[in-house]
C-alpha atoms as a PDB file:
ATOM      1  CA  MET A   1     -66.592  28.585 -68.628  1.00  0.00           C
ATOM      2  CA  MET A   2     -63.880  28.238 -66.117  1.00  0.00           C
ATOM      3  CA  ASP A   3     -64.267  26.901 -62.756  1.00  0.00           C
ATOM      4  CA  LEU A   4     -63.290  29.082 -59.885  1.00  0.00           C
ATOM      5  CA  ASP A   5     -61.424  26.280 -58.346  1.00  0.00           C
ATOM      6  CA  ASP A   6     -59.150  26.037 -61.349  1.00  0.00           C
ATOM      7  CA  GLU A   7     -58.256  29.682 -61.471  1.00  0.00           C
ATOM      8  CA  MET A   8     -57.569  30.419 -57.852  1.00  0.00           C
ATOM      9  CA  PRO A   9     -55.196  28.190 -56.093  1.00  0.00           C
ATOM     10  CA  GLY A  10     -56.048  27.340 -52.542  1.00  0.00           C
ATOM     11  CA  PRO A  11     -53.808  28.017 -49.575  1.00  0.00           C
ATOM     12  CA  VAL A  12     -50.446  26.277 -49.937  1.00  0.00           C
ATOM     13  CA  ALA A  13     -49.614  23.962 -47.028  1.00  0.00           C
ATOM     14  CA  LYS A  14     -46.190  24.712 -45.488  1.00  0.00           C
ATOM     15  CA  PRO A  15     -43.947  21.728 -44.889  1.00  0.00           C
ATOM     16  CA  LYS A  16     -43.635  20.799 -41.240  1.00  0.00           C
ATOM     17  CA  ARG A  17     -40.269  21.614 -39.739  1.00  0.00           C
ATOM     18  CA  SER A  18     -40.422  19.731 -36.435  1.00  0.00           C
ATOM     19  CA  GLY A  19     -36.938  18.298 -37.064  1.00  0.00           C
ATOM     20  CA  ASP A  20     -35.504  21.820 -37.098  1.00  0.00           C
ATOM     21  CA  ARG A  21     -37.226  22.620 -33.827  1.00  0.00           C
ATOM     22  CA  VAL A  22     -35.658  19.526 -32.233  1.00  0.00           C
ATOM     23  CA  PHE A  23     -32.183  20.622 -33.355  1.00  0.00           C
ATOM     24  CA  VAL A  24     -32.757  24.162 -32.066  1.00  0.00           C
ATOM     25  CA  ALA A  25     -33.991  22.878 -28.702  1.00  0.00           C
ATOM     26  CA  ALA A  26     -31.070  20.423 -28.389  1.00  0.00           C
ATOM     27  CA  GLY A  27     -28.588  23.165 -29.284  1.00  0.00           C
ATOM     28  CA  PHE A  28     -30.086  25.514 -26.716  1.00  0.00           C
ATOM     29  CA  ILE A  29     -29.945  22.836 -23.988  1.00  0.00           C
ATOM     30  CA  LEU A  30     -26.358  21.968 -24.888  1.00  0.00           C
ATOM     31  CA  ALA A  31     -25.296  25.624 -24.847  1.00  0.00           C
ATOM     32  CA  THR A  32     -26.981  26.154 -21.475  1.00  0.00           C
ATOM     33  CA  ALA A  33     -25.283  23.088 -19.991  1.00  0.00           C
ATOM     34  CA  ALA A  34     -21.913  24.207 -21.370  1.00  0.00           C
ATOM     35  CA  ALA A  35     -22.387  27.621 -19.788  1.00  0.00           C
ATOM     36  CA  PHE A  36     -23.393  26.357 -16.339  1.00  0.00           C
ATOM     37  CA  PHE A  37     -21.150  23.268 -15.968  1.00  0.00           C
ATOM     38  CA  PRO A  38     -17.966  25.250 -15.139  1.00  0.00           C
ATOM     39  CA  TRP A  39     -19.876  27.040 -12.376  1.00  0.00           C
ATOM     40  CA  TYR A  40     -21.125  23.728 -11.014  1.00  0.00           C
ATOM     41  CA  VAL A  41     -17.568  22.428 -10.944  1.00  0.00           C
ATOM     42  CA  PHE A  42     -16.381  25.643  -9.276  1.00  0.00           C
ATOM     43  CA  PHE A  43     -18.909  25.328  -6.452  1.00  0.00           C
ATOM     44  CA  HIS A  44     -18.402  21.550  -6.002  1.00  0.00           C
ATOM     45  CA  GLN A  45     -14.617  21.263  -6.193  1.00  0.00           C
ATOM     46  CA  GLU A  46     -14.413  18.401  -3.689  1.00  0.00           C
ATOM     47  CA  SER A  47     -16.225  16.162  -6.185  1.00  0.00           C
ATOM     48  CA  PHE A  48     -13.996  17.009  -9.136  1.00  0.00           C
ATOM     49  CA  GLY A  49     -10.565  17.675  -7.626  1.00  0.00           C
ATOM     50  CA  ILE A  50      -7.609  15.332  -7.687  1.00  0.00           C
ATOM     51  CA  ALA A  51      -7.615  13.200  -4.553  1.00  0.00           C
ATOM     52  CA  PRO A  52      -4.307  13.433  -2.667  1.00  0.00           C
ATOM     53  CA  MET A  53      -2.369  10.201  -2.407  1.00  0.00           C
ATOM     54  CA  GLY A  54      -2.388   8.761   1.078  1.00  0.00           C
ATOM     55  CA  TYR A  55       1.228   8.154   2.118  1.00  0.00           C
ATOM     56  CA  THR A  56       2.551   7.190   5.500  1.00  0.00           C
ATOM     57  CA  ASP A  57       6.204   6.773   6.257  1.00  0.00           C
ATOM     58  CA  THR A  58       6.096   3.925   8.756  1.00  0.00           C
ATOM     59  CA  ARG A  59       8.821   1.511   9.642  1.00  0.00           C
ATOM     60  CA  ASP A  60       6.586  -1.292  10.906  1.00  0.00           C
ATOM     61  CA  LEU A  61       5.448  -4.146   8.726  1.00  0.00           C
ATOM     62  CA  PRO A  62       1.810  -5.187   8.913  1.00  0.00           C
ATOM     63  CA  GLU A  63       1.113  -7.834  11.528  1.00  0.00           C
ATOM     64  CA  THR A  64      -0.259 -10.391   9.075  1.00  0.00           C
ATOM     65  CA  PRO A  65       0.542 -14.089   9.312  1.00  0.00           C
ATOM     66  CA  GLY A  66       2.601 -15.707   6.591  1.00  0.00           C
ATOM     67  CA  ARG A  67       1.144 -17.956   3.950  1.00  0.00           C
ATOM     68  CA  SER A  68       0.830 -21.565   4.996  1.00  0.00           C
ATOM     69  CA  VAL A  69       1.227 -22.893   1.444  1.00  0.00           C
ATOM     70  CA  VAL A  70       4.022 -21.782  -0.851  1.00  0.00           C
ATOM     71  CA  ASN A  71       3.669 -22.381  -4.569  1.00  0.00           C
ATOM     72  CA  VAL A  72       6.903 -23.469  -6.180  1.00  0.00           C
ATOM     73  CA  SER A  73       7.519 -23.032  -9.870  1.00  0.00           C
ATOM     74  CA  PRO A  74       8.137 -26.330 -11.679  1.00  0.00           C
ATOM     75  CA  LEU A  75      11.185 -24.696 -13.249  1.00  0.00           C
ATOM     76  CA  ALA A  76      12.786 -24.454  -9.789  1.00  0.00           C
ATOM     77  CA  ILE A  77      12.751 -28.243  -9.353  1.00  0.00           C
ATOM     78  CA  PRO A  78      15.656 -29.934 -11.160  1.00  0.00           C
ATOM     79  CA  ASP A  79      14.816 -32.721 -13.588  1.00  0.00           C
ATOM     80  CA  GLU A  80      16.412 -35.920 -12.287  1.00  0.00           C
ATOM     81  CA  ASP A  81      14.659 -38.353 -14.606  1.00  0.00           C
ATOM     82  CA  ASP A  82      17.638 -38.874 -16.897  1.00  0.00           C
ATOM     83  CA  GLY A  83      19.684 -40.610 -14.154  1.00  0.00           C
ATOM     84  CA  SER A  84      22.823 -38.514 -14.736  1.00  0.00           C
ATOM     85  CA  VAL A  85      22.397 -36.625 -11.472  1.00  0.00           C
ATOM     86  CA  ALA A  86      23.154 -38.580  -8.317  1.00  0.00           C
ATOM     87  CA  PRO A  87      20.383 -38.414  -5.710  1.00  0.00           C
ATOM     88  CA  SER A  88      21.100 -35.742  -3.156  1.00  0.00           C
ATOM     89  CA  VAL A  89      20.457 -35.842   0.566  1.00  0.00           C
ATOM     90  CA  PHE A  90      19.390 -32.189   0.404  1.00  0.00           C
ATOM     91  CA  ASP A  91      15.990 -30.943  -0.608  1.00  0.00           C
ATOM     92  CA  PRO A  92      16.372 -29.080  -3.944  1.00  0.00           C
ATOM     93  CA  ILE A  93      13.481 -26.713  -3.210  1.00  0.00           C
ATOM     94  CA  VAL A  94      14.466 -23.596  -1.267  1.00  0.00           C
ATOM     95  CA  THR A  95      12.043 -23.100   1.605  1.00  0.00           C
ATOM     96  CA  ALA A  96      14.094 -20.754   3.812  1.00  0.00           C
ATOM     97  CA  THR A  97      13.840 -23.099   6.797  1.00  0.00           C
ATOM     98  CA  VAL A  98      16.591 -25.408   7.941  1.00  0.00           C
ATOM     99  CA  PRO A  99      15.898 -27.956  10.687  1.00  0.00           C
ATOM    100  CA  ASN A 100      18.480 -28.638  13.357  1.00  0.00           C
ATOM    101  CA  PRO A 101      20.254 -31.981  12.765  1.00  0.00           C
ATOM    102  CA  GLY A 102      19.482 -33.275  16.298  1.00  0.00           C
ATOM    103  CA  ASP A 103      15.757 -32.563  16.106  1.00  0.00           C
ATOM    104  CA  LYS A 104      13.326 -35.425  16.126  1.00  0.00           C
ATOM    105  CA  ALA A 105       9.795 -35.217  14.751  1.00  0.00           C
ATOM    106  CA  SER A 106       8.433 -34.642  18.283  1.00  0.00           C
ATOM    107  CA  ASN A 107      10.845 -31.760  18.972  1.00  0.00           C
ATOM    108  CA  ALA A 108      10.238 -30.154  15.580  1.00  0.00           C
ATOM    109  CA  SER A 109       6.969 -28.503  16.644  1.00  0.00           C
ATOM    110  CA  ALA A 110       8.591 -27.170  19.833  1.00  0.00           C
ATOM    111  CA  ALA A 111      11.458 -25.701  17.785  1.00  0.00           C
ATOM    112  CA  LEU A 112       8.967 -23.914  15.508  1.00  0.00           C
ATOM    113  CA  ASP A 113       7.319 -22.208  18.489  1.00  0.00           C
ATOM    114  CA  GLU A 114      10.563 -20.506  19.477  1.00  0.00           C
ATOM    115  CA  VAL A 115      11.317 -17.221  17.751  1.00  0.00           C
ATOM    116  CA  PRO A 116      14.871 -17.261  16.427  1.00  0.00           C
ATOM    117  CA  THR A 117      17.030 -14.308  17.412  1.00  0.00           C
ATOM    118  CA  GLN A 118      19.192 -13.244  14.551  1.00  0.00           C
ATOM    119  CA  ALA A 119      21.351 -10.158  14.565  1.00  0.00           C
ATOM    120  CA  PHE A 120      20.371  -7.451  12.122  1.00  0.00           C
ATOM    121  CA  PRO A 121      22.965  -7.336   9.314  1.00  0.00           C
ATOM    122  CA  GLY A 122      25.143  -4.296   9.756  1.00  0.00           C
ATOM    123  CA  LYS A 123      24.803  -2.169  12.830  1.00  0.00           C
ATOM    124  CA  PRO A 124      22.546   0.791  12.069  1.00  0.00           C
ATOM    125  CA  GLN A 125      23.640   3.854  13.977  1.00  0.00           C
ATOM    126  CA  TYR A 126      20.961   5.896  15.686  1.00  0.00           C
ATOM    127  CA  ARG A 127      21.039   8.309  18.558  1.00  0.00           C
ATOM    128  CA  LEU A 128      18.623   9.569  21.159  1.00  0.00           C
ATOM    129  CA  LEU A 129      17.748  13.238  20.749  1.00  0.00           C
ATOM    130  CA  HIS A 130      14.979  13.961  23.251  1.00  0.00           C
ATOM    131  CA  VAL A 131      12.538  12.263  25.639  1.00  0.00           C
ATOM    132  CA  ALA A 132       9.132  13.681  26.599  1.00  0.00           C
ATOM    133  CA  ASN A 133       5.741  12.280  27.635  1.00  0.00           C
ATOM    134  CA  GLY A 134       6.863   8.650  27.457  1.00  0.00           C
ATOM    135  CA  ARG A 135       8.145   9.020  23.900  1.00  0.00           C
ATOM    136  CA  ALA A 136      11.625   9.402  22.507  1.00  0.00           C
ATOM    137  CA  LEU A 137      12.907  11.211  19.440  1.00  0.00           C
ATOM    138  CA  ILE A 138      15.662   9.235  17.716  1.00  0.00           C
ATOM    139  CA  GLU A 139      17.658   9.970  14.582  1.00  0.00           C
ATOM    140  CA  ASP A 140      19.439   7.781  12.072  1.00  0.00           C
ATOM    141  CA  ARG A 141      20.730   8.307   8.530  1.00  0.00           C
ATOM    142  CA  SER A 142      17.255   8.119   6.975  1.00  0.00           C
ATOM    143  CA  GLY A 143      15.525  10.601   9.303  1.00  0.00           C
ATOM    144  CA  MET A 144      14.019  11.255  12.715  1.00  0.00           C
ATOM    145  CA  TYR A 145      11.425   9.057  14.397  1.00  0.00           C
ATOM    146  CA  ILE A 146       9.238   9.321  17.463  1.00  0.00           C
ATOM    147  CA  VAL A 147       9.180   5.973  19.266  1.00  0.00           C
ATOM    148  CA  ARG A 148       7.579   4.669  22.426  1.00  0.00           C
ATOM    149  CA  ILE A 149       7.871   1.499  24.455  1.00  0.00           C
ATOM    150  CA  GLY A 150       7.310  -1.460  22.122  1.00  0.00           C
ATOM    151  CA  SER A 151       8.232   0.418  18.926  1.00  0.00           C
ATOM    152  CA  VAL A 152      10.627  -1.145  16.436  1.00  0.00           C
ATOM    153  CA  LEU A 153      13.999   0.600  16.390  1.00  0.00           C
ATOM    154  CA  PRO A 154      16.310   0.960  13.363  1.00  0.00           C
ATOM    155  CA  ASP A 155      18.384  -2.056  14.483  1.00  0.00           C
ATOM    156  CA  ASN A 156      15.215  -4.229  14.386  1.00  0.00           C
ATOM    157  CA  SER A 157      15.003  -4.464  18.170  1.00  0.00           C
ATOM    158  CA  ARG A 158      12.161  -3.055  20.242  1.00  0.00           C
ATOM    159  CA  LEU A 159      12.224  -0.217  22.734  1.00  0.00           C
ATOM    160  CA  ALA A 160      12.001  -1.892  26.159  1.00  0.00           C
ATOM    161  CA  THR A 161      12.220   1.058  28.565  1.00  0.00           C
ATOM    162  CA  LEU A 162      12.996   4.753  28.814  1.00  0.00           C
ATOM    163  CA  GLU A 163      15.066   5.492  31.920  1.00  0.00           C
ATOM    164  CA  GLN A 164      16.814   8.453  33.419  1.00  0.00           C
ATOM    165  CA  ARG A 165      20.332   7.586  34.606  1.00  0.00           C
ATOM    166  CA  ASP A 166      22.641  10.153  36.153  1.00  0.00           C
ATOM    167  CA  GLY A 167      20.387  12.977  34.931  1.00  0.00           C
ATOM    168  CA  LYS A 168      20.436  11.753  31.303  1.00  0.00           C
ATOM    169  CA  TRP A 169      17.771   9.842  29.445  1.00  0.00           C
ATOM    170  CA  VAL A 170      18.649   6.423  28.050  1.00  0.00           C
ATOM    171  CA  ILE A 171      16.886   3.881  25.862  1.00  0.00           C
ATOM    172  CA  VAL A 172      17.092   0.213  26.820  1.00  0.00           C
ATOM    173  CA  THR A 173      16.353  -2.041  23.852  1.00  0.00           C
ATOM    174  CA  SER A 174      15.017  -5.586  23.808  1.00  0.00           C
ATOM    175  CA  ASN A 175      18.554  -6.754  22.959  1.00  0.00           C
ATOM    176  CA  GLY A 176      19.830  -5.219  26.221  1.00  0.00           C
ATOM    177  CA  GLU A 177      21.620  -2.309  24.516  1.00  0.00           C
ATOM    178  CA  VAL A 178      21.633   1.036  26.266  1.00  0.00           C
ATOM    179  CA  VAL A 179      21.546   4.126  24.027  1.00  0.00           C
ATOM    180  CA  GLN A 180      21.993   7.530  25.643  1.00  0.00           C
ATOM    181  CA  ASN A 181      21.886  11.069  24.331  1.00  0.00           C
END
């Protein structure tokens, strides 16, 4: 006789599909994020926009002190080991400073404290356009500038005073020049 267990198969166990559920859930989350991210960017544009470049058109150099040590490339120093070059009385390294021939070591520090006055190469032409509220509007070839007492002018001098002479405004520079409109 046959056993009942042999004739009737029991319930078949379905394979678990948890991996499919993970892919479905990940796809749903990804689709939701892709749908809402453009709206997030739209409402928070300051976080995602291109930052404008900060540009100022100033004529003044920063008031930083110069470097106390200058590195010189070894290639700038001539090789005098072969003896073919006669020793020179001049320093072969360019340092952009030239001492006065009459200076002694004690006067050298006093000479360094003085600011040399050197004329600006080429005479830049500028003119006074208007004066108001202690400021002057000047113009040169590169544009117009608002300056006040102490500002650097296009000829590398400083604005000393603004005066009114004979009913017209004039600029007196630190070089003693008088520019009128």
